Protein backbone atom coordinates (compact mmCIF):
# COMPACT_ATOMS: atom_id res chain seq x y z
CA MET A 1 0.32 0.11 0.24
CA SER A 2 1.92 3.33 -0.72
CA SER A 3 -0.94 5.87 0.05
CA PRO A 4 -1.72 7.48 3.75
CA LEU A 5 -4.82 5.24 5.75
CA GLY A 6 -7.12 6.64 7.97
CA LEU A 7 -9.11 4.18 10.06
CA SER A 8 -12.43 5.34 12.40
CA ILE A 9 -13.53 2.72 15.64
CA GLY A 10 -17.30 3.19 15.85
CA CYS A 11 -19.54 1.05 18.01
CA THR A 12 -21.33 -0.10 15.56
CA ASN A 13 -19.42 1.29 11.70
CA LEU A 14 -16.17 0.68 11.43
CA VAL A 15 -14.51 2.61 8.49
CA ALA A 16 -11.33 2.19 5.67
CA ALA A 17 -10.46 5.19 3.96
CA GLN A 18 -7.32 5.86 1.96
CA VAL A 19 -6.09 8.77 -0.48
CA GLY A 20 -7.28 8.27 -3.62
CA ASN A 21 -9.87 6.11 -2.97
CA GLN A 22 -12.90 5.67 -1.48
CA PRO A 23 -14.00 4.77 1.41
CA GLU A 24 -15.00 1.55 3.30
CA LEU A 25 -17.30 1.01 5.80
CA ARG A 26 -17.96 -2.12 7.87
CA ARG A 27 -20.03 -3.58 10.53
CA THR A 28 -18.21 -4.28 14.06
CA ALA A 29 -18.26 -7.40 13.98
CA LEU A 30 -16.52 -10.51 13.65
CA GLN A 31 -17.04 -13.88 12.45
CA ARG A 32 -15.06 -16.90 13.42
CA PRO A 33 -14.22 -19.75 11.09
CA ASP A 34 -17.50 -22.59 12.54
CA GLY A 35 -19.91 -19.30 12.27
CA THR A 36 -19.78 -17.65 15.40
CA VAL A 37 -19.90 -13.31 15.57
CA LEU A 38 -19.21 -11.79 18.22
CA THR A 39 -20.29 -8.19 18.62
CA GLY A 40 -19.74 -5.75 21.62
CA PHE A 41 -15.58 -5.75 21.82
CA VAL A 42 -15.73 -1.99 21.13
CA GLU A 43 -17.33 -1.02 24.78
CA ARG A 44 -15.04 -3.20 26.18
CA VAL A 45 -11.46 -2.39 24.95
CA GLY A 46 -9.23 -2.34 27.94
CA ASP A 47 -11.08 -4.44 30.19
CA PRO A 48 -9.27 -6.93 31.36
CA VAL A 49 -11.78 -9.48 31.83
CA PRO A 50 -12.28 -11.77 28.39
CA LEU A 51 -15.47 -11.78 26.43
CA VAL A 52 -16.78 -15.53 26.18
CA ALA A 53 -18.55 -16.85 23.00
CA ALA A 54 -20.86 -19.13 21.83
CA ASP A 55 -18.97 -22.07 21.70
CA GLY A 56 -17.12 -21.27 24.99
CA SER A 57 -13.43 -19.04 24.20
CA ALA A 58 -12.84 -16.05 25.61
CA HIS A 59 -11.00 -13.46 23.74
CA THR A 60 -10.12 -9.77 24.82
CA ALA A 61 -11.89 -6.84 23.62
CA ASP A 62 -7.83 -5.11 23.00
CA ARG A 63 -7.01 -8.05 20.37
CA LEU A 64 -10.17 -8.72 18.50
CA LEU A 65 -10.72 -5.18 17.86
CA VAL A 66 -7.42 -5.51 16.82
CA GLU A 67 -8.03 -8.04 14.42
CA ALA A 68 -11.37 -5.72 12.78
CA LEU A 69 -8.81 -3.42 12.08
CA GLU A 70 -6.77 -5.50 9.81
CA LEU A 71 -9.61 -6.96 8.19
CA MET A 72 -10.82 -3.01 7.52
CA VAL A 73 -6.80 -2.56 5.75
CA ALA A 74 -7.06 -5.65 3.43
CA THR A 75 -11.29 -4.36 2.05
CA VAL A 76 -8.65 -1.53 1.24
CA GLY A 77 -5.66 -3.15 -0.85
CA GLY A 78 -4.01 -4.78 2.28
CA GLY A 79 -0.81 -4.30 3.49
CA PRO A 80 1.17 -1.83 5.37
CA ALA A 81 0.40 2.09 4.53
CA PRO A 82 3.69 4.61 4.50
CA ALA A 83 1.24 6.62 7.21
CA THR A 84 -1.51 5.36 9.32
CA THR A 85 -3.51 6.96 11.52
CA ILE A 86 -6.45 6.05 14.11
CA ALA A 87 -9.29 7.80 15.08
CA VAL A 88 -10.53 6.80 18.16
CA PRO A 89 -14.21 7.62 20.57
CA ALA A 90 -13.11 11.23 21.95
CA HIS A 91 -14.97 9.80 24.89
CA TRP A 92 -12.36 7.63 26.22
CA PRO A 93 -9.81 7.99 28.79
CA SER A 94 -5.83 7.78 28.12
CA SER A 95 -5.93 4.22 29.96
CA THR A 96 -8.85 2.93 27.64
CA GLN A 97 -6.32 4.36 24.56
CA TRP A 98 -3.54 3.05 25.68
CA ALA A 99 -5.04 -0.37 25.97
CA LEU A 100 -5.91 -0.02 22.50
CA ARG A 101 -1.40 1.16 21.38
CA ASN A 102 -0.41 -1.66 23.73
CA ALA A 103 -2.44 -3.99 21.80
CA LEU A 104 -1.48 -2.44 17.95
CA ARG A 105 2.07 -2.99 18.75
CA GLY A 106 2.36 -6.73 17.92
CA ASN A 107 0.23 -6.85 14.51
CA GLU A 108 2.87 -5.94 11.66
CA THR A 109 0.08 -4.49 8.58
CA LEU A 110 -0.80 -2.05 12.14
CA SER A 111 2.04 -1.51 13.13
CA PRO A 112 5.37 -2.11 10.66
CA GLY A 113 8.20 -2.64 12.53
CA GLY A 114 6.42 -2.38 16.26
CA VAL A 115 6.14 1.40 15.44
CA PRO A 116 2.35 1.92 15.78
CA PRO A 117 -0.44 4.36 14.51
CA ARG A 118 -0.95 7.55 15.26
CA LEU A 119 -4.40 7.92 17.54
CA VAL A 120 -6.46 10.54 17.35
CA SER A 121 -9.32 11.87 18.48
CA ASP A 122 -12.45 11.27 16.05
CA ALA A 123 -13.70 14.96 17.05
CA VAL A 124 -11.01 16.44 16.04
CA ALA A 125 -10.36 14.21 12.53
CA ALA A 126 -14.21 15.04 11.74
CA LEU A 127 -13.77 18.82 11.88
CA THR A 128 -10.38 17.94 10.11
CA ALA A 129 -12.48 16.92 7.13
CA VAL A 130 -15.10 19.19 7.56
CA GLN A 131 -12.02 22.02 7.47
CA ALA A 132 -11.46 20.53 3.90
CA ASN A 133 -15.24 19.84 2.36
CA PRO A 134 -17.04 22.70 2.35
CA GLY A 135 -14.59 24.10 4.74
CA LEU A 136 -15.58 26.30 7.91
CA GLU A 137 -14.36 29.71 9.43
CA LEU A 138 -11.77 29.61 11.37
CA ARG A 139 -13.36 31.60 13.90
CA GLY A 140 -14.35 31.16 17.50
CA VAL A 141 -15.45 28.25 18.99
CA VAL A 142 -16.70 24.94 17.49
CA ALA A 143 -20.04 22.47 18.01
CA LEU A 144 -19.67 19.47 17.40
CA LEU A 145 -22.32 16.42 18.00
CA ASP A 146 -21.22 13.21 16.90
CA PHE A 147 -24.58 11.48 16.69
CA GLY A 148 -22.91 7.80 17.16
CA GLY A 149 -24.40 3.86 17.33
CA SER A 150 -24.56 4.04 21.24
CA GLY A 151 -24.77 7.72 22.21
CA THR A 152 -23.67 11.09 21.28
CA SER A 153 -21.03 13.32 21.53
CA ILE A 154 -20.50 16.94 22.48
CA THR A 155 -17.41 18.60 21.58
CA LEU A 156 -16.28 22.37 21.87
CA ALA A 157 -13.53 22.74 19.59
CA ASP A 158 -11.60 26.23 19.34
CA ALA A 159 -11.19 26.55 15.51
CA VAL A 160 -8.19 29.12 15.25
CA SER A 161 -5.72 26.20 17.44
CA SER A 162 -6.88 23.74 14.87
CA PHE A 163 -9.89 22.14 16.46
CA GLU A 164 -7.54 21.46 20.63
CA PRO A 165 -10.99 20.36 22.45
CA VAL A 166 -12.09 23.56 24.70
CA ASP A 167 -13.15 21.45 27.36
CA GLU A 168 -14.08 16.88 27.86
CA THR A 169 -16.58 15.64 25.88
CA ALA A 170 -19.80 14.94 26.99
CA ARG A 171 -21.39 11.35 26.45
CA ILE A 172 -26.12 11.20 25.73
CA ALA A 173 -26.53 7.80 25.89
CA ASP A 174 -29.79 8.63 25.03
CA PHE A 175 -29.55 9.38 22.21
CA SER A 176 -27.77 6.31 20.13
CA GLY A 177 -28.93 4.26 17.22
CA ASP A 178 -28.93 1.74 18.63
CA GLN A 179 -31.86 2.76 20.95
CA ILE A 180 -33.56 4.55 18.16
CA ASP A 181 -33.49 1.27 16.28
CA GLN A 182 -34.76 -0.32 19.88
CA ALA A 183 -38.41 2.81 19.44
CA LEU A 184 -39.34 1.79 15.56
CA LEU A 185 -38.58 -2.13 16.50
CA SER A 186 -41.22 -1.41 19.63
CA PHE A 187 -43.52 0.94 17.01
CA VAL A 188 -43.81 -2.30 14.72
CA LEU A 189 -44.70 -4.68 16.99
CA ASP A 190 -47.15 -2.38 17.69
CA SER A 191 -49.11 -1.74 14.88
CA VAL A 192 -48.68 -5.96 13.86
CA ALA A 193 -50.67 -6.52 17.24
CA GLN A 194 -53.12 -3.95 16.62
CA SER A 195 -53.66 -5.77 13.02
CA GLY A 196 -54.97 -8.25 14.88
CA GLY A 197 -52.63 -11.12 13.13
CA THR A 198 -50.71 -12.40 16.13
CA ASP A 199 -49.74 -11.08 19.51
CA PRO A 200 -45.64 -10.83 19.01
CA ALA A 201 -44.95 -11.13 22.79
CA GLY A 202 -45.99 -14.79 22.58
CA THR A 203 -44.65 -15.83 19.88
CA ALA A 204 -41.22 -13.88 17.64
CA ALA A 205 -38.36 -16.25 18.36
CA VAL A 206 -34.81 -14.74 19.02
CA GLY A 207 -33.45 -15.26 16.15
CA ALA A 208 -37.03 -13.08 14.35
CA LEU A 209 -36.26 -11.20 16.75
CA SER A 210 -32.96 -9.93 15.38
CA ARG A 211 -33.61 -10.00 11.98
CA LEU A 212 -36.76 -7.46 12.47
CA ARG A 213 -34.38 -5.04 14.23
CA GLU A 214 -32.03 -5.27 11.03
CA HIS A 215 -34.78 -4.54 8.88
CA CYS A 216 -35.59 -1.37 11.15
CA ARG A 217 -32.41 -0.69 10.98
CA ARG A 218 -32.42 0.25 7.11
CA ALA A 219 -36.11 1.60 6.95
CA LYS A 220 -34.45 3.98 9.32
CA GLU A 221 -31.55 5.15 6.71
CA ARG A 222 -34.24 5.03 4.06
CA LEU A 223 -35.59 7.60 6.25
CA SER A 224 -33.24 10.29 5.91
CA ALA A 225 -33.53 10.14 2.20
CA GLU A 226 -37.16 9.21 1.92
CA THR A 227 -40.58 9.93 2.79
CA VAL A 228 -41.89 6.75 3.46
CA ALA A 229 -40.58 3.01 4.47
CA GLU A 230 -41.28 -0.82 4.48
CA VAL A 231 -40.74 -3.20 6.60
CA ALA A 232 -41.07 -6.27 6.32
CA VAL A 233 -42.32 -9.07 9.43
CA GLU A 234 -40.99 -12.43 9.27
CA LEU A 235 -42.80 -14.18 12.61
CA PRO A 236 -43.75 -17.22 13.14
CA GLY A 237 -46.94 -17.63 12.22
CA HIS A 238 -47.60 -14.58 10.69
CA ARG A 239 -46.76 -12.57 7.60
CA SER A 240 -46.90 -8.79 7.16
CA VAL A 241 -45.10 -5.58 5.78
CA VAL A 242 -45.72 -2.14 7.87
CA ARG A 243 -45.63 0.78 6.39
CA VAL A 244 -43.30 3.59 8.51
CA THR A 245 -42.94 7.23 8.00
CA ARG A 246 -40.88 10.05 8.45
CA ALA A 247 -43.26 11.60 10.98
CA ASP A 248 -44.02 8.18 12.44
CA LEU A 249 -40.16 8.00 12.89
CA GLU A 250 -39.72 11.74 14.46
CA ALA A 251 -42.54 11.50 16.53
CA LEU A 252 -40.18 8.83 18.25
CA ILE A 253 -36.93 10.43 18.62
CA SER A 254 -38.24 14.42 19.38
CA GLU A 255 -37.29 13.64 23.10
CA PRO A 256 -34.57 12.24 22.57
CA LEU A 257 -33.41 14.78 20.54
CA ARG A 258 -34.32 18.06 22.45
CA GLY A 259 -32.72 16.36 25.44
CA VAL A 260 -29.03 16.31 23.27
CA LEU A 261 -30.30 19.98 23.14
CA ALA A 262 -29.80 20.73 26.52
CA GLY A 263 -26.91 19.01 27.20
CA LEU A 264 -25.27 21.18 24.49
CA ASP A 265 -26.81 24.64 26.20
CA ASN A 266 -25.00 23.41 29.59
CA LEU A 267 -21.81 22.33 28.17
CA LEU A 268 -21.28 25.88 26.34
CA GLU A 269 -22.62 27.17 30.21
CA ARG A 270 -20.58 25.17 32.05
CA ASN A 271 -17.59 26.94 29.62
CA ARG A 272 -19.57 30.46 30.02
CA ILE A 273 -19.91 30.45 25.85
CA THR A 274 -22.18 31.93 24.21
CA TRP A 275 -23.87 31.57 20.84
CA ALA A 276 -22.78 34.12 19.70
CA ASP A 277 -19.16 33.20 20.19
CA VAL A 278 -20.25 29.73 18.22
CA SER A 279 -18.46 29.68 14.61
CA ALA A 280 -20.65 26.36 12.98
CA VAL A 281 -22.44 23.22 14.29
CA VAL A 282 -21.18 20.58 13.30
CA THR A 283 -22.72 16.68 12.58
CA VAL A 284 -21.33 14.04 11.92
CA GLY A 285 -22.00 9.80 12.53
CA GLY A 286 -24.85 8.17 10.87
CA GLY A 287 -27.93 9.58 12.83
CA ALA A 288 -27.10 13.41 11.59
CA GLY A 289 -28.98 12.73 8.41
CA ILE A 290 -31.58 12.63 10.07
CA PRO A 291 -33.39 15.87 8.77
CA LEU A 292 -35.27 16.50 12.12
CA VAL A 293 -31.32 16.87 14.12
CA THR A 294 -30.59 19.34 11.67
CA GLN A 295 -34.86 21.23 11.95
CA LEU A 296 -33.64 21.35 15.72
CA LEU A 297 -30.37 22.37 15.72
CA SER A 298 -30.75 25.19 12.84
CA GLU A 299 -34.29 26.36 15.02
CA HIS A 300 -32.06 25.86 18.86
CA SER A 301 -28.69 27.58 18.01
CA GLN A 302 -27.81 30.66 16.00
CA ALA A 303 -25.03 29.71 14.05
CA PRO A 304 -25.42 27.92 10.75
CA VAL A 305 -25.47 23.54 10.84
CA VAL A 306 -22.92 22.15 8.76
CA THR A 307 -23.78 18.42 7.47
CA THR A 308 -21.73 16.39 5.30
CA ALA A 309 -22.87 14.31 2.27
CA ARG A 310 -21.74 11.40 4.28
CA PRO A 311 -21.53 12.35 7.37
CA ALA A 312 -20.75 8.80 8.83
CA LEU A 313 -17.63 8.96 6.90
CA ASP A 314 -16.40 11.96 7.99
CA ALA A 315 -14.24 11.05 11.20
CA ALA A 316 -12.07 8.20 8.83
CA VAL A 317 -11.76 11.01 6.04
CA GLY A 318 -10.31 13.35 9.21
CA ALA A 319 -7.64 10.38 10.12
CA ALA A 320 -6.27 9.74 6.65
CA VAL A 321 -6.37 13.76 6.22
CA HIS A 322 -3.85 13.22 9.35
CA ALA A 323 -1.88 10.03 7.70
CA ALA A 324 -0.85 12.38 4.61
CA GLN A 325 -0.01 15.68 7.11
CA GLY A 326 2.51 13.41 9.18
CA LEU A 327 3.75 11.77 5.87
CA ALA A 328 4.29 15.14 4.82
CA ALA A 329 6.18 16.75 7.30
CA GLN A 330 8.28 13.58 8.24
CA ALA A 331 9.35 13.74 3.78
CA GLU A 332 10.47 17.84 4.34
CA THR A 333 12.73 16.19 7.95
CA ALA A 334 14.13 14.20 5.70
CA ALA A 335 14.83 16.35 3.13
CA ALA A 336 16.82 19.45 5.11
CA PRO A 337 19.74 17.15 5.46
CA ALA A 338 20.04 17.02 1.65
CA VAL A 339 19.32 21.03 0.96
CA ALA A 340 21.99 22.04 2.92
CA ALA A 341 23.91 19.05 1.55
CA ASP A 342 23.54 21.67 -2.00
CA ALA A 343 24.05 24.18 -0.32
CA ALA A 344 27.54 23.60 0.82
CA ALA A 345 28.69 21.82 -2.27
CA PRO A 346 30.30 24.31 -4.95
CA THR A 347 28.08 26.49 -7.30
CA ALA A 348 29.20 27.01 -11.35
CA ALA A 349 30.03 30.17 -10.29
CA ALA A 350 32.40 29.83 -8.08
CA ALA A 351 35.63 26.83 -8.81
CA ALA A 352 35.59 24.04 -6.29
CA VAL A 353 39.41 24.49 -4.42
CA PRO A 354 41.53 22.00 -5.69
CA ALA A 355 42.35 19.42 -2.61
CA ASP A 356 45.39 18.02 -1.57
CA PRO A 357 47.51 15.91 -2.58
CA GLU A 358 47.56 12.19 -1.35
CA GLY A 359 51.49 13.21 -1.19
CA SER A 360 51.03 16.34 0.25
CA SER A 361 52.68 17.62 3.04
CA THR A 362 49.94 19.33 4.54
CA PHE A 363 47.42 15.95 3.11
CA ARG A 364 44.94 15.88 6.20
CA ALA A 365 46.89 17.62 8.22
CA LEU A 366 45.25 19.20 11.29
CA ALA A 367 44.72 22.87 12.35
CA TRP A 368 48.17 21.88 14.95
CA SER A 369 51.10 19.83 14.08
CA GLN A 370 51.10 16.85 15.29
CA GLU A 371 54.53 15.55 14.78
CA GLU A 372 56.69 15.15 17.89
CA GLY A 373 59.80 16.99 17.93
CA VAL A 374 58.35 20.08 16.31
CA ASP A 375 59.90 23.39 17.14
CA ASP A 376 58.05 25.89 18.68
CA VAL A 377 56.02 28.94 16.58
CA VAL A 378 58.11 31.45 15.30
CA PRO A 379 57.72 35.14 16.82
CA PHE A 380 56.21 37.40 14.33
CA THR A 381 59.30 39.85 13.57
CA GLY A 382 56.98 42.39 10.99
CA ASP A 383 56.70 45.74 11.17
CA GLY A 384 53.76 45.36 13.63
CA ALA A 385 55.84 43.71 16.43
CA TYR A 386 54.32 44.13 19.75
CA PRO A 387 55.42 47.71 21.42
CA ASP A 388 57.53 46.96 24.61
CA GLY A 389 55.95 46.49 27.46
CA PRO A 390 56.05 46.11 31.51
CA PHE A 391 55.76 42.13 30.79
CA THR A 392 58.54 42.30 27.58
CA GLU A 393 61.50 43.68 29.26
CA GLY A 394 62.29 44.69 25.82
CA GLY A 395 60.50 43.42 23.48
CA TYR A 396 58.91 40.24 22.33
CA THR A 397 61.89 38.62 21.07
CA ASP A 398 64.24 39.67 24.53
CA GLY A 399 61.72 39.07 27.26
CA PRO A 400 61.76 36.45 30.04
CA PHE A 401 59.13 34.36 28.44
CA THR A 402 60.87 33.83 24.91
CA GLY A 403 61.39 29.88 24.38
CA GLN A 404 58.56 28.94 26.36
CA ALA A 405 55.25 27.48 25.19
CA ARG A 406 53.06 28.84 27.79
CA PRO A 407 54.35 32.29 29.17
CA GLU A 408 54.05 31.85 33.12
CA VAL A 409 52.26 34.83 34.24
CA GLN A 410 52.07 36.11 37.82
CA TRP A 411 50.14 38.84 39.12
CA VAL A 412 52.52 42.00 40.30
CA PRO A 413 50.11 44.97 42.38
CA GLU A 414 51.49 48.62 41.63
CA GLN A 415 50.94 49.28 45.06
CA PRO A 416 52.88 47.58 47.84
CA VAL A 417 50.19 45.91 50.60
CA GLU A 418 50.37 46.97 53.90
CA GLU A 419 49.95 44.55 55.92
CA SER A 420 47.24 44.92 58.25
CA GLY A 421 48.67 46.56 61.89
CA ALA A 422 47.45 46.52 65.13
CA TRP A 423 44.33 48.97 64.70
CA SER A 424 42.99 45.57 62.90
CA ARG A 425 43.11 44.17 65.39
CA LEU A 426 40.93 46.37 67.80
CA PRO A 427 37.42 44.88 67.20
CA VAL A 428 38.82 41.39 68.59
CA ALA A 429 39.71 42.94 72.02
CA LEU A 430 37.54 45.06 72.30
CA PHE A 431 34.68 41.55 72.02
CA SER A 432 37.03 40.21 74.21
CA VAL A 433 37.18 43.48 77.33
CA ALA A 434 33.87 43.26 76.87
CA GLY A 435 32.87 39.89 77.42
CA VAL A 436 35.19 39.84 80.33
CA ALA A 437 33.48 42.60 82.06
CA VAL A 438 30.31 40.39 80.76
CA LEU A 439 31.05 37.15 83.34
CA LEU A 440 32.36 39.77 86.03
CA ALA A 441 29.26 42.20 86.06
CA LEU A 442 27.10 37.75 85.94
CA GLY A 443 29.92 36.83 88.83
CA GLY A 444 29.38 39.28 91.47
CA VAL A 445 25.56 39.43 90.49
CA ALA A 446 25.58 35.72 91.15
CA TYR A 447 27.96 36.45 94.20
CA GLY A 448 25.31 39.09 95.93
CA LEU A 449 22.39 37.09 95.56
CA THR A 450 23.46 34.12 96.69
CA SER A 451 26.01 35.42 99.82
CA VAL A 452 24.75 37.10 103.15
CA SER A 453 27.69 40.26 105.16
CA GLU A 454 27.82 38.82 108.54
CA ASP A 455 28.45 42.97 108.76
CA GLU A 456 25.04 44.18 107.95
CA PRO A 457 22.35 41.59 108.43
CA ASP A 458 18.76 41.78 106.61
CA PRO A 459 16.49 42.95 109.34
CA PRO A 460 13.92 41.14 110.47
CA VAL A 461 11.27 39.76 108.91
CA THR A 462 7.84 41.15 110.69
CA GLU A 463 5.65 38.12 111.11
CA VAL A 464 2.19 38.09 112.49
CA ARG A 465 0.77 34.57 112.85
CA THR A 466 -2.35 33.42 114.28
CA PRO A 467 -1.75 30.48 117.24
CA PRO A 468 -2.65 27.02 115.57
CA PRO A 469 -3.14 24.05 117.17
CA PRO A 470 -0.57 22.59 118.62
CA SER A 471 0.27 19.51 116.71
CA ALA A 472 0.18 21.52 113.57
CA PRO A 473 2.98 23.92 111.99
CA LEU A 474 1.91 27.65 111.91
CA PRO A 475 0.95 29.16 108.95
CA VAL A 476 2.23 32.18 107.76
CA ALA A 477 -0.37 34.55 107.37
CA PRO A 478 -0.58 37.38 104.27
CA PRO A 479 0.36 41.11 104.80
CA VAL A 480 -2.37 43.38 106.51
CA GLU A 481 -2.94 46.43 107.01
CA PRO A 482 -2.47 47.89 110.40
CA PRO A 483 -4.73 48.17 113.18
CA PRO A 484 -6.06 51.69 114.41
CA VAL A 485 -4.37 52.30 117.03
CA GLU A 486 -6.69 51.42 120.94
CA PRO A 487 -5.51 52.15 124.33
CA PRO A 488 -3.83 49.36 125.57
CA PRO A 489 -5.50 46.90 127.59
CA PRO A 490 -3.05 45.56 131.31
CA VAL A 491 -0.53 43.73 130.27
CA MET A 492 0.07 40.01 132.67
CA THR A 493 4.37 40.17 132.85
CA VAL A 494 5.40 36.48 132.91
CA THR A 495 8.92 35.86 134.26
CA GLN A 496 10.53 32.97 132.00
CA ALA A 497 14.60 32.57 132.91
CA PRO A 498 16.08 31.39 129.28
CA PRO A 499 18.95 28.76 128.79
CA PRO A 500 22.06 30.50 129.04
CA PRO A 501 22.89 32.02 125.14
CA PRO A 502 26.75 30.70 123.44
CA PRO A 503 28.50 33.12 123.55
CA ALA A 504 28.04 36.16 120.99
CA ALA A 505 28.39 40.02 119.46
CA PRO A 506 25.38 41.40 119.51
CA PRO A 507 23.09 42.25 117.18
CA PRO A 508 22.12 45.62 115.75
CA GLU A 509 18.96 46.63 117.08
CA PRO A 510 16.42 46.77 113.81
CA PRO A 511 14.97 49.78 112.21
CA PRO A 512 12.21 51.53 113.23
CA THR A 513 9.03 50.89 111.57
CA THR A 514 5.53 52.17 112.18
CA GLN A 515 3.73 49.25 112.44
CA THR A 516 1.92 48.48 116.06
CA PRO A 517 0.65 44.95 116.65
CA THR A 518 -2.22 44.83 119.55
CA PRO A 519 -0.40 43.95 122.59
CA THR A 520 -0.52 41.44 124.46
CA THR A 521 1.99 38.96 126.76
CA THR A 522 4.93 38.65 123.95
CA THR A 523 8.42 37.43 123.98
CA THR A 524 10.92 39.13 121.72
CA THR A 525 13.26 37.42 119.27
CA THR A 526 16.22 38.75 117.85
CA THR A 527 17.49 36.12 114.98
CA THR A 528 20.95 36.72 114.62
CA THR A 529 21.72 34.90 110.81
CA THR A 530 25.02 33.17 109.60
CA THR A 531 24.96 31.52 106.00
CA THR A 532 28.88 30.12 104.35
CA THR A 533 28.83 30.05 100.85
CA ALA A 534 29.72 26.44 100.49
CA THR A 535 27.17 24.90 102.25
CA THR A 536 22.85 25.57 102.60
CA THR A 537 23.10 24.70 106.12
CA THR A 538 21.49 28.24 109.04
CA THR A 539 22.42 28.14 111.95
CA THR A 540 20.26 29.79 114.09
CA THR A 541 20.44 30.85 117.56
CA THR A 542 17.14 32.72 119.85
CA THR A 543 17.29 34.89 122.88
CA THR A 544 13.69 34.64 124.35
CA THR A 545 13.65 37.58 126.65
CA THR A 546 10.91 38.74 128.50
CA THR A 547 9.71 42.93 129.16
CA THR A 548 7.05 44.64 130.76
CA THR A 549 5.40 46.23 127.42
CA THR A 550 3.77 49.93 128.17
CA PRO A 551 2.34 51.56 125.46
CA PRO A 552 4.72 51.78 122.22
CA THR A 553 4.34 54.37 119.61
CA THR A 554 6.95 53.48 117.38
CA THR A 555 8.67 50.05 119.10
CA THR A 556 9.04 47.17 117.09
CA THR A 557 7.47 44.04 118.19
CA VAL A 558 6.56 40.86 117.15
CA PRO A 559 3.63 39.60 118.52
CA THR A 560 3.57 35.93 119.28
CA THR A 561 1.61 33.45 121.45
CA THR A 562 3.41 32.71 124.21
CA VAL A 563 5.23 29.17 124.03
CA PRO A 564 6.39 26.78 126.26
CA THR A 565 9.28 27.27 129.22
CA THR A 566 12.19 25.48 127.03
CA THR A 567 12.93 27.06 123.30
CA VAL A 568 14.69 24.82 121.45
CA PRO A 569 17.36 26.32 119.03
CA THR A 570 15.31 25.40 115.44
CA THR A 571 18.11 24.64 112.60
CA THR A 572 16.59 25.58 109.42
CA GLN A 573 17.39 24.73 105.32
CA THR A 574 16.98 27.59 102.28
CA ARG A 575 16.26 26.17 98.62
CA VAL A 576 17.75 26.87 96.26
CA THR A 577 17.41 27.52 92.85
CA THR A 578 19.36 27.48 89.49
CA THR A 579 18.18 30.64 86.82
CA HIS A 580 20.35 30.31 83.74
CA ILE A 581 21.05 33.53 82.69
CA SER A 582 21.55 33.78 77.87
CA VAL A 583 24.17 36.66 77.87
CA PRO A 584 25.29 38.12 73.65
CA PHE A 585 27.64 36.71 72.03
CA LEU A 586 28.10 33.58 75.30
CA PRO A 587 27.31 30.16 73.56
CA VAL A 588 25.71 28.86 77.12
CA PRO A 589 23.59 30.22 79.47
CA ILE A 590 25.38 31.16 82.69
CA PRO A 591 23.46 29.56 85.75
CA VAL A 592 22.49 31.78 88.89
CA PRO A 593 21.23 30.04 91.91
CA ALA A 594 18.96 31.95 94.36
CA PRO A 595 17.88 31.30 97.70
CA GLN A 596 14.10 31.13 98.34
CA GLN A 597 12.55 32.99 100.70
CA PRO A 598 11.13 30.19 103.70
C-alpha cells in the first residue's frame, strides 16, 4: 500500500479511508470460521475480563478490535501503509487508548517495525475533514455533535487552534442509533398487534426479532432520504409489511433529541461560551443524516449547521488527512539534510577548491602539527611587532618568556600591600574585653544573690501569726493593713528563765517601723543568721527575753503566742533555685543560684 490510510472506530461501524480511493464501511463484528459472530468488543477495550463466545472460547476485547482493524486494511488494498492514523472515540479515557496502542504493537500490518499508528480523537479528525470539504470559518468555537450508534458525543473545539478541544467531550447515551432502532422495532410490533394478525410477545423467537430489528435499522436509514419506508415482518405464524413514515420516526425521537440540545446548552454554559461565540455547529455520525436533527439544531442555535453528504465517513476521512500531513512532515524533515548538503557543494560560478594530493605535506593535517620534536612557533618580527611593555623587558624577542610554549603569568600589584596593623585587630580585643566584663558582672550578681554579709544582716521580717493548734505547723498569714491604734489593756508580766546563750556579739537593733501590733504577753525574738557560701544549712541562735510592754509608739515588736518555757534551737534549710541567664555572644547560658524565702 503506497497511500496514507485512515481508520475510524465506532461501536456500530468501522470505516477505512485511503487517499485516492473510496472509503469502506463495515459492521463492527467478527465472524469465526465456525460461523460464530462476535460483537460488542469496542465498548470493552481496556477491560481485562475477556469476552466469552457462544462456543465457550474467551477473547480479549483489545485483540478482537485489532483483528477487525486488520481486516479493514485488507478491504482497501492490504499490506502496511506508509502512514496510518486511527480515529478513536473522543470520550475514551487515556487508559483505554493506551490499552489499544499496546495491542497494536504486536500486529505487523498496523505497526510495521513495532511502531504503532497514530491515534487521534474522532472529533478532531471529523472537524479536519469538514474543514477540508465543505470548509469552516476559522474563528470562535465550533460545536461538534457526533450521533453514533451507542450515544451522542458533544465536543467544543477552538477553530483557531487546529480544533483543539475546549473541554472534555460530553456523552449522552439516551439518543443513539441503537435507541432509535429499538424504538422503531417497538413501533412495528405494536402495529402488528393492532392489526390482529398475531401476538408478537407470545410467538416471536429470538432469531426472528434479530432479523426484524435489522429491517428496522435499514428503514431508519432510508427515511433520512425518503418520506416512507416499508418494513417486512416475518414472525412464526405471521408475515406482513408495516408502513413507516418519516413523521412516525420523528415522533419517536423528538423527545430524546431535545435532551441532546439541553446537553449542548449545559456544555456551553459550563465553559461560559455564548451562542455569539459559536461560529458553526457540525453534525457527524450515522444519525446526523436525519432531517429532524438538522431542523431542531437550526431552530435552537444561532450558528449555521454544517453536515456533509456522508457524515458517517467524516472521521475516517479526517484520519487519512492527518496521516497524509504526517507523511509530508516526515518528507520535509528528511529533505532538510539534502538541502544543506546541496548548499555546501560548490556552485558553477565559484570554482571548487582543489584538494591536497595524498603526497602533500598538509594532507589530512590538523590546524596544529601532530609531529613530535617540532620547534615552537616562530615569533612575529614584522613591521607591526609587539611594542615594549611592562612584561616584555625589551620586547617580545628579548623578554623572559621567549622560548616557552606557555609563559608564566604572575600578578604584580601596582602598590605594595600593607599588612594589617594593630588597629585592624582592635575589634577583636574590644569584643574580648566586653566578654570578660560581662562575665565579671554576672559573677558579681551571682555572688550578691547567694551570699549574706555578717556585718550588715538583713532586717528581721515582721510576720503576724495566729495561734495554731499545738500539733499543726504555724501557717504564715499574708500581710494585712495595720489595725487602728487602741488603748492597750493591762499587761501581765511573765518571767521566764532562758538557757544561757552562746557567747556572741549582740546583734544591731532592727530599724524602727510604724507597725503597732496589739499588745499582749509577748516574747521578743531576735535572730542572728550566719550563712556560708559553700553550704545551704543556716544555724540560728534564738534568745528569748521577757519584758513588760508599755503602750508602744514606735517600738518594733513581733507579737507571738506564749510558747512553752523551754526554747529549742531550730535548724532551718534554705532552698536554692538556679536561674540560667543567656548573655549575647556567649554560647552557654550562665547558671545563677538564688535562695528562696522560707
